[in-house]
C-alpha cells in the first residue's frame, strides 16, 4: 500500500474504527502513521516561557496495517445486507 502525506485514509480496526482523516506524518522505519483527529491522547506539559502548559490533546501514531486508502474518485460501496 502506498501512503503519502496528505492522503485520505480510513481506520479499519481499533478504538477509532470507521473514522477517516488526512495523513499528517509517516514513520517508515516503524511502519506507523499519524492521522488528523484520530487516536487522540492527553499530554500533561509543564509551563515554560514559550507555552502556557496544562493538558494538551494531540494525535498519536497508529500502525499502517490498521488503515486503508480512500480513493476520492471512486466512492466506497457500502454493503447493507445480503441479497
PDB file of N, CA and C in Angstrom:
ATOM      1  N   UNK A   1       0.851  -1.172   0.000  1.00  0.00           N
ATOM      2  CA  UNK A   1       0.000   0.000   0.000  1.00  0.00           C
ATOM      3  C   UNK A   1       0.895   1.233   0.000  1.00  0.00           C
ATOM      4  N   UNK A   2       0.593   2.165  -0.872  1.00  0.00           N
ATOM      5  CA  UNK A   2       1.370   3.390  -0.974  1.00  0.00           C
ATOM      6  C   UNK A   2       0.690   4.472  -0.140  1.00  0.00           C
ATOM      7  N   UNK A   3       1.396   4.961   0.875  1.00  0.00           N
ATOM      8  CA  UNK A   3       0.878   6.015   1.739  1.00  0.00           C
ATOM      9  C   UNK A   3       1.733   7.252   1.565  1.00  0.00           C
ATOM     10  N   UNK A   4       1.082   8.388   1.386  1.00  0.00           N
ATOM     11  CA  UNK A   4       1.769   9.658   1.252  1.00  0.00           C
ATOM     12  C   UNK A   4       1.152  10.667   2.197  1.00  0.00           C
ATOM     13  N   UNK A   5       1.938  11.649   2.570  1.00  0.00           N
ATOM     14  CA  UNK A   5       1.452  12.721   3.430  1.00  0.00           C
ATOM     15  C   UNK A   5       0.355  13.481   2.698  1.00  0.00           C
ATOM     16  N   UNK A   6      -0.773  13.710   3.368  1.00  0.00           N
ATOM     17  CA  UNK A   6      -1.882  14.422   2.769  1.00  0.00           C
ATOM     18  C   UNK A   6      -2.937  13.525   2.162  1.00  0.00           C
ATOM     19  N   UNK A   7      -2.689  12.219   2.081  1.00  0.00           N
ATOM     20  CA  UNK A   7      -3.662  11.287   1.507  1.00  0.00           C
ATOM     21  C   UNK A   7      -4.787  11.018   2.505  1.00  0.00           C
ATOM     22  N   UNK A   8      -5.968  10.706   1.993  1.00  0.00           N
ATOM     23  CA  UNK A   8      -7.109  10.388   2.831  1.00  0.00           C
ATOM     24  C   UNK A   8      -7.115   8.885   3.116  1.00  0.00           C
ATOM     25  N   UNK A   9      -7.270   8.517   4.399  1.00  0.00           N
ATOM     26  CA  UNK A   9      -7.313   7.117   4.796  1.00  0.00           C
ATOM     27  C   UNK A   9      -8.476   6.886   5.753  1.00  0.00           C
ATOM     28  N   UNK A  10      -8.866   5.610   5.882  1.00  0.00           N
ATOM     29  CA  UNK A  10      -9.941   5.216   6.782  1.00  0.00           C
ATOM     30  C   UNK A  10      -9.403   4.167   7.739  1.00  0.00           C
ATOM     31  N   UNK A  11      -9.708   4.306   9.042  1.00  0.00           N
ATOM     32  CA  UNK A  11      -9.260   3.357  10.052  1.00  0.00           C
ATOM     33  C   UNK A  11     -10.185   2.143  10.005  1.00  0.00           C
ATOM     34  N   UNK A  12      -9.601   0.942   9.925  1.00  0.00           N
ATOM     35  CA  UNK A  12     -10.412  -0.267   9.797  1.00  0.00           C
ATOM     36  C   UNK A  12     -10.443  -1.109  11.071  1.00  0.00           C
ATOM     37  N   UNK A  13      -9.538  -0.861  12.026  1.00  0.00           N
ATOM     38  CA  UNK A  13      -9.560  -1.587  13.294  1.00  0.00           C
ATOM     39  C   UNK A  13      -9.194  -0.652  14.435  1.00  0.00           C
ATOM     40  N   UNK A  14      -9.523  -1.077  15.653  1.00  0.00           N
ATOM     41  CA  UNK A  14      -9.141  -0.317  16.840  1.00  0.00           C
ATOM     42  C   UNK A  14     -10.264   0.543  17.378  1.00  0.00           C
ATOM     43  N   UNK A  15      -9.921   1.382  18.340  1.00  0.00           N
ATOM     44  CA  UNK A  15     -10.935   2.203  19.014  1.00  0.00           C
ATOM     45  C   UNK A  15     -11.509   3.292  18.110  1.00  0.00           C
ATOM     46  N   UNK A  16     -10.775   3.687  17.071  1.00  0.00           N
ATOM     47  CA  UNK A  16     -11.237   4.726  16.153  1.00  0.00           C
ATOM     48  C   UNK A  16     -11.723   4.136  14.834  1.00  0.00           C
ATOM     49  N   UNK A  17     -12.234   2.908  14.863  1.00  0.00           N
ATOM     50  CA  UNK A  17     -12.691   2.214  13.662  1.00  0.00           C
ATOM     51  C   UNK A  17     -13.792   3.012  12.957  1.00  0.00           C
ATOM     52  N   UNK A  18     -13.639   3.181  11.651  1.00  0.00           N
ATOM     53  CA  UNK A  18     -14.623   3.896  10.850  1.00  0.00           C
ATOM     54  C   UNK A  18     -14.308   5.355  10.623  1.00  0.00           C
ATOM     55  N   UNK A  19     -13.385   5.925  11.378  1.00  0.00           N
ATOM     56  CA  UNK A  19     -13.044   7.336  11.210  1.00  0.00           C
ATOM     57  C   UNK A  19     -12.145   7.517   9.989  1.00  0.00           C
ATOM     58  N   UNK A  20     -12.280   8.671   9.349  1.00  0.00           N
ATOM     59  CA  UNK A  20     -11.434   8.996   8.207  1.00  0.00           C
ATOM     60  C   UNK A  20     -10.650  10.260   8.522  1.00  0.00           C
ATOM     61  N   UNK A  21      -9.516  10.409   7.870  1.00  0.00           N
ATOM     62  CA  UNK A  21      -8.702  11.585   8.100  1.00  0.00           C
ATOM     63  C   UNK A  21      -7.545  11.676   7.136  1.00  0.00           C
ATOM     64  N   UNK A  22      -6.807  12.748   7.284  1.00  0.00           N
ATOM     65  CA  UNK A  22      -5.671  13.039   6.416  1.00  0.00           C
ATOM     66  C   UNK A  22      -4.379  12.656   7.132  1.00  0.00           C
ATOM     67  N   UNK A  23      -3.427  12.091   6.398  1.00  0.00           N
ATOM     68  CA  UNK A  23      -2.149  11.698   6.978  1.00  0.00           C
ATOM     69  C   UNK A  23      -1.318  12.952   7.243  1.00  0.00           C
ATOM     70  N   UNK A  24      -0.862  13.100   8.508  1.00  0.00           N
ATOM     71  CA  UNK A  24      -0.048  14.241   8.897  1.00  0.00           C
ATOM     72  C   UNK A  24       1.441  13.910   8.879  1.00  0.00           C
ATOM     73  N   UNK A  25       1.791  12.697   9.291  1.00  0.00           N
ATOM     74  CA  UNK A  25       3.192  12.335   9.448  1.00  0.00           C
ATOM     75  C   UNK A  25       3.338  10.833   9.234  1.00  0.00           C
ATOM     76  N   UNK A  26       4.487  10.409   8.677  1.00  0.00           N
ATOM     77  CA  UNK A  26       4.758   9.000   8.425  1.00  0.00           C
ATOM     78  C   UNK A  26       6.117   8.633   9.020  1.00  0.00           C
ATOM     79  N   UNK A  27       6.145   7.526   9.782  1.00  0.00           N
ATOM     80  CA  UNK A  27       7.400   6.971  10.292  1.00  0.00           C
ATOM     81  C   UNK A  27       7.614   5.639   9.585  1.00  0.00           C
ATOM     82  N   UNK A  28       8.391   5.654   8.512  1.00  0.00           N
ATOM     83  CA  UNK A  28       8.566   4.465   7.673  1.00  0.00           C
ATOM     84  C   UNK A  28       9.405   3.393   8.362  1.00  0.00           C
ATOM     85  N   UNK A  29      10.289   3.763   9.266  1.00  0.00           N
ATOM     86  CA  UNK A  29      11.127   2.790   9.953  1.00  0.00           C
ATOM     87  C   UNK A  29      10.290   1.874  10.849  1.00  0.00           C
ATOM     88  N   UNK A  30       9.329   2.449  11.577  1.00  0.00           N
ATOM     89  CA  UNK A  30       8.467   1.673  12.460  1.00  0.00           C
ATOM     90  C   UNK A  30       7.159   1.255  11.791  1.00  0.00           C
ATOM     91  N   UNK A  31       6.859   1.810  10.608  1.00  0.00           N
ATOM     92  CA  UNK A  31       5.626   1.473   9.908  1.00  0.00           C
ATOM     93  C   UNK A  31       4.400   2.078  10.560  1.00  0.00           C
ATOM     94  N   UNK A  32       4.526   3.293  11.059  1.00  0.00           N
ATOM     95  CA  UNK A  32       3.417   3.955  11.750  1.00  0.00           C
ATOM     96  C   UNK A  32       3.105   5.287  11.087  1.00  0.00           C
ATOM     97  N   UNK A  33       1.838   5.703  11.191  1.00  0.00           N
ATOM     98  CA  UNK A  33       1.413   6.979  10.616  1.00  0.00           C
ATOM     99  C   UNK A  33       0.591   7.749  11.638  1.00  0.00           C
ATOM    100  N   UNK A  34       0.555   9.068  11.468  1.00  0.00           N
ATOM    101  CA  UNK A  34      -0.242   9.957  12.317  1.00  0.00           C
ATOM    102  C   UNK A  34      -1.344  10.540  11.454  1.00  0.00           C
ATOM    103  N   UNK A  35      -2.600  10.396  11.908  1.00  0.00           N
ATOM    104  CA  UNK A  35      -3.759  10.839  11.146  1.00  0.00           C
ATOM    105  C   UNK A  35      -4.449  11.960  11.909  1.00  0.00           C
ATOM    106  N   UNK A  36      -4.934  12.957  11.173  1.00  0.00           N
ATOM    107  CA  UNK A  36      -5.582  14.129  11.771  1.00  0.00           C
ATOM    108  C   UNK A  36      -6.840  13.712  12.539  1.00  0.00           C
ATOM    109  N   UNK A  37      -6.907  14.092  13.811  1.00  0.00           N
ATOM    110  CA  UNK A  37      -8.018  13.865  14.750  1.00  0.00           C
ATOM    111  C   UNK A  37      -8.381  12.390  14.926  1.00  0.00           C
ATOM    112  N   UNK A  38      -7.370  11.505  14.848  1.00  0.00           N
ATOM    113  CA  UNK A  38      -7.562  10.078  15.117  1.00  0.00           C
ATOM    114  C   UNK A  38      -6.516   9.655  16.143  1.00  0.00           C
ATOM    115  N   UNK A  39      -6.914   8.781  17.077  1.00  0.00           N
ATOM    116  CA  UNK A  39      -6.034   8.277  18.141  1.00  0.00           C
ATOM    117  C   UNK A  39      -5.510   9.424  18.996  1.00  0.00           C
ATOM    118  N   UNK A  40      -6.429  10.243  19.504  1.00  0.00           N
ATOM    119  CA  UNK A  40      -6.073  11.393  20.327  1.00  0.00           C
ATOM    120  C   UNK A  40      -5.644  10.937  21.725  1.00  0.00           C
ATOM    121  N   UNK A  41      -4.566  11.579  22.239  1.00  0.00           N
ATOM    122  CA  UNK A  41      -4.074  11.306  23.578  1.00  0.00           C
ATOM    123  C   UNK A  41      -3.976  12.615  24.343  1.00  0.00           C
ATOM    124  N   UNK A  42      -3.957  12.525  25.664  1.00  0.00           N
ATOM    125  CA  UNK A  42      -3.794  13.697  26.524  1.00  0.00           C
ATOM    126  C   UNK A  42      -2.338  13.761  26.963  1.00  0.00           C
ATOM    127  N   UNK A  43      -1.747  14.934  26.896  1.00  0.00           N
ATOM    128  CA  UNK A  43      -0.350  15.130  27.270  1.00  0.00           C
ATOM    129  C   UNK A  43      -0.287  16.246  28.301  1.00  0.00           C
ATOM    130  N   UNK A  44       0.274  15.961  29.479  1.00  0.00           N
ATOM    131  CA  UNK A  44       0.442  16.970  30.526  1.00  0.00           C
ATOM    132  C   UNK A  44       1.789  17.645  30.322  1.00  0.00           C
ATOM    133  N   UNK A  45       1.774  18.974  30.152  1.00  0.00           N
ATOM    134  CA  UNK A  45       3.009  19.706  29.907  1.00  0.00           C
ATOM    135  C   UNK A  45       3.229  20.753  30.997  1.00  0.00           C
ATOM    136  N   UNK A  46       4.487  20.964  31.324  1.00  0.00           N
ATOM    137  CA  UNK A  46       4.839  21.992  32.299  1.00  0.00           C
ATOM    138  C   UNK A  46       4.845  23.355  31.624  1.00  0.00           C
ATOM    139  N   UNK A  47       4.500  24.394  32.355  1.00  0.00           N
ATOM    140  CA  UNK A  47       4.576  25.731  31.760  1.00  0.00           C
ATOM    141  C   UNK A  47       6.031  26.164  31.548  1.00  0.00           C
ATOM    142  N   UNK A  48       6.277  26.796  30.406  1.00  0.00           N
ATOM    143  CA  UNK A  48       7.588  27.341  30.095  1.00  0.00           C
ATOM    144  C   UNK A  48       7.405  28.777  29.626  1.00  0.00           C
ATOM    145  N   UNK A  49       8.495  29.402  29.217  1.00  0.00           N
ATOM    146  CA  UNK A  49       8.394  30.766  28.707  1.00  0.00           C
ATOM    147  C   UNK A  49       7.637  30.816  27.389  1.00  0.00           C
ATOM    148  N   UNK A  50       7.761  29.762  26.587  1.00  0.00           N
ATOM    149  CA  UNK A  50       7.119  29.750  25.264  1.00  0.00           C
ATOM    150  C   UNK A  50       5.639  29.396  25.328  1.00  0.00           C
ATOM    151  N   UNK A  51       5.263  28.380  26.149  1.00  0.00           N
ATOM    152  CA  UNK A  51       3.859  27.973  26.172  1.00  0.00           C
ATOM    153  C   UNK A  51       3.315  27.957  27.597  1.00  0.00           C
ATOM    154  N   UNK A  52       2.006  27.949  27.681  1.00  0.00           N
ATOM    155  CA  UNK A  52       1.308  28.084  28.947  1.00  0.00           C
ATOM    156  C   UNK A  52       1.384  26.808  29.783  1.00  0.00           C
ATOM    157  N   UNK A  53       1.336  25.643  29.128  1.00  0.00           N
ATOM    158  CA  UNK A  53       1.325  24.379  29.857  1.00  0.00           C
ATOM    159  C   UNK A  53      -0.091  23.903  30.096  1.00  0.00           C
ATOM    160  N   UNK A  54      -0.243  22.805  30.792  1.00  0.00           N
ATOM    161  CA  UNK A  54      -1.550  22.243  31.074  1.00  0.00           C
ATOM    162  C   UNK A  54      -1.754  20.945  30.315  1.00  0.00           C
ATOM    163  N   UNK A  55      -3.014  20.553  30.137  1.00  0.00           N
ATOM    164  CA  UNK A  55      -3.352  19.303  29.463  1.00  0.00           C
ATOM    165  C   UNK A  55      -3.635  19.592  27.994  1.00  0.00           C
ATOM    166  N   UNK A  56      -2.878  18.952  27.123  1.00  0.00           N
ATOM    167  CA  UNK A  56      -2.996  19.176  25.675  1.00  0.00           C
ATOM    168  C   UNK A  56      -3.427  17.881  25.005  1.00  0.00           C
ATOM    169  N   UNK A  57      -4.396  17.952  24.093  1.00  0.00           N
ATOM    170  CA  UNK A  57      -4.790  16.792  23.290  1.00  0.00           C
ATOM    171  C   UNK A  57      -4.051  16.841  21.968  1.00  0.00           C
ATOM    172  N   UNK A  58      -3.457  15.704  21.597  1.00  0.00           N
ATOM    173  CA  UNK A  58      -2.767  15.647  20.323  1.00  0.00           C
ATOM    174  C   UNK A  58      -2.876  14.243  19.738  1.00  0.00           C
ATOM    175  N   UNK A  59      -2.555  14.123  18.433  1.00  0.00           N
ATOM    176  CA  UNK A  59      -2.641  12.846  17.747  1.00  0.00           C
ATOM    177  C   UNK A  59      -1.448  11.973  18.111  1.00  0.00           C
ATOM    178  N   UNK A  60      -1.691  10.671  18.134  1.00  0.00           N
ATOM    179  CA  UNK A  60      -0.620   9.719  18.343  1.00  0.00           C
ATOM    180  C   UNK A  60      -0.518   8.823  17.112  1.00  0.00           C
ATOM    181  N   UNK A  61       0.564   8.063  17.012  1.00  0.00           N
ATOM    182  CA  UNK A  61       0.771   7.214  15.849  1.00  0.00           C
ATOM    183  C   UNK A  61      -0.131   5.979  15.893  1.00  0.00           C
ATOM    184  N   UNK A  62      -0.455   5.462  14.719  1.00  0.00           N
ATOM    185  CA  UNK A  62      -1.242   4.242  14.552  1.00  0.00           C
ATOM    186  C   UNK A  62      -0.530   3.414  13.489  1.00  0.00           C
ATOM    187  N   UNK A  63      -0.592   2.097  13.613  1.00  0.00           N
ATOM    188  CA  UNK A  63       0.125   1.240  12.675  1.00  0.00           C
ATOM    189  C   UNK A  63      -0.532   1.305  11.296  1.00  0.00           C
ATOM    190  N   UNK A  64       0.300   1.238  10.255  1.00  0.00           N
ATOM    191  CA  UNK A  64      -0.206   1.413   8.891  1.00  0.00           C
ATOM    192  C   UNK A  64      -1.076   0.256   8.427  1.00  0.00           C
ATOM    193  N   UNK A  65      -1.001  -0.901   9.079  1.00  0.00           N
ATOM    194  CA  UNK A  65      -1.845  -2.022   8.688  1.00  0.00           C
ATOM    195  C   UNK A  65      -3.282  -1.840   9.156  1.00  0.00           C
ATOM    196  N   UNK A  66      -3.533  -0.869  10.029  1.00  0.00           N
ATOM    197  CA  UNK A  66      -4.874  -0.625  10.555  1.00  0.00           C
ATOM    198  C   UNK A  66      -5.646   0.412   9.759  1.00  0.00           C
ATOM    199  N   UNK A  67      -5.116   0.843   8.617  1.00  0.00           N
ATOM    200  CA  UNK A  67      -5.803   1.832   7.788  1.00  0.00           C
ATOM    201  C   UNK A  67      -5.852   1.352   6.346  1.00  0.00           C
ATOM    202  N   UNK A  68      -6.754   1.977   5.568  1.00  0.00           N
ATOM    203  CA  UNK A  68      -6.792   1.722   4.130  1.00  0.00           C
ATOM    204  C   UNK A  68      -6.994   3.036   3.401  1.00  0.00           C
ATOM    205  N   UNK A  69      -6.481   3.088   2.164  1.00  0.00           N
ATOM    206  CA  UNK A  69      -6.606   4.293   1.340  1.00  0.00           C
ATOM    207  C   UNK A  69      -8.046   4.495   0.920  1.00  0.00           C
ATOM    208  N   UNK A  70      -8.438   5.747   0.803  1.00  0.00           N
ATOM    209  CA  UNK A  70      -9.755   6.093   0.249  1.00  0.00           C
ATOM    210  C   UNK A  70      -9.508   6.845  -1.043  1.00  0.00           C
ATOM    211  N   UNK A  71     -10.004   6.313  -2.134  1.00  0.00           N
ATOM    212  CA  UNK A  71      -9.882   6.973  -3.425  1.00  0.00           C
ATOM    213  C   UNK A  71     -11.069   7.911  -3.562  1.00  0.00           C
ATOM    214  N   UNK A  72     -10.814   9.202  -3.670  1.00  0.00           N
ATOM    215  CA  UNK A  72     -11.902  10.178  -3.743  1.00  0.00           C
ATOM    216  C   UNK A  72     -12.667  10.084  -5.061  1.00  0.00           C
ATOM    217  N   UNK A  73     -12.030   9.584  -6.120  1.00  0.00           N
ATOM    218  CA  UNK A  73     -12.719   9.464  -7.399  1.00  0.00           C
ATOM    219  C   UNK A  73     -13.731   8.330  -7.362  1.00  0.00           C
ATOM    220  N   UNK A  74     -13.347   7.217  -6.739  1.00  0.00           N
ATOM    221  CA  UNK A  74     -14.242   6.065  -6.610  1.00  0.00           C
ATOM    222  C   UNK A  74     -14.782   6.059  -5.189  1.00  0.00           C
ATOM    223  N   UNK A  75     -16.069   6.219  -5.055  1.00  0.00           N
ATOM    224  CA  UNK A  75     -16.684   6.187  -3.733  1.00  0.00           C
ATOM    225  C   UNK A  75     -16.768   4.738  -3.260  1.00  0.00           C
ATOM    226  N   UNK A  76     -16.615   4.545  -1.944  1.00  0.00           N
ATOM    227  CA  UNK A  76     -16.697   3.199  -1.395  1.00  0.00           C
ATOM    228  C   UNK A  76     -18.130   2.706  -1.452  1.00  0.00           C
ATOM    229  N   UNK A  77     -18.296   1.459  -1.832  1.00  0.00           N
ATOM    230  CA  UNK A  77     -19.624   0.860  -1.856  1.00  0.00           C
ATOM    231  C   UNK A  77     -19.916   0.300  -0.480  1.00  0.00           C
ATOM    232  N   UNK A  78     -21.060   0.659   0.057  1.00  0.00           N
ATOM    233  CA  UNK A  78     -21.438   0.162   1.371  1.00  0.00           C
ATOM    234  C   UNK A  78     -22.377  -1.036   1.187  1.00  0.00           C
ATOM    235  N   UNK A  79     -22.050  -2.146   1.826  1.00  0.00           N
ATOM    236  CA  UNK A  79     -22.903  -3.312   1.756  1.00  0.00           C
ATOM    237  C   UNK A  79     -23.856  -3.269   2.928  1.00  0.00           C
ATOM    238  N   UNK A  80     -25.152  -3.219   2.623  1.00  0.00           N
ATOM    239  CA  UNK A  80     -26.162  -3.121   3.660  1.00  0.00           C
ATOM    240  C   UNK A  80     -26.587  -4.505   4.130  1.00  0.00           C
ATOM    241  N   UNK A  81     -26.802  -5.405   3.193  1.00  0.00           N
ATOM    242  CA  UNK A  81     -27.217  -6.763   3.550  1.00  0.00           C
ATOM    243  C   UNK A  81     -27.023  -7.691   2.382  1.00  0.00           C
ATOM    244  N   UNK A  82     -27.366  -8.938   2.595  1.00  0.00           N
ATOM    245  CA  UNK A  82     -27.229  -9.934   1.539  1.00  0.00           C
ATOM    246  C   UNK A  82     -28.491  -9.959   0.692  1.00  0.00           C
ATOM    247  N   UNK A  83     -28.318 -10.281  -0.589  1.00  0.00           N
ATOM    248  CA  UNK A  83     -29.477 -10.376  -1.470  1.00  0.00           C
ATOM    249  C   UNK A  83     -30.067 -11.761  -1.408  1.00  0.00           C
TER     250      UNK A  83
END
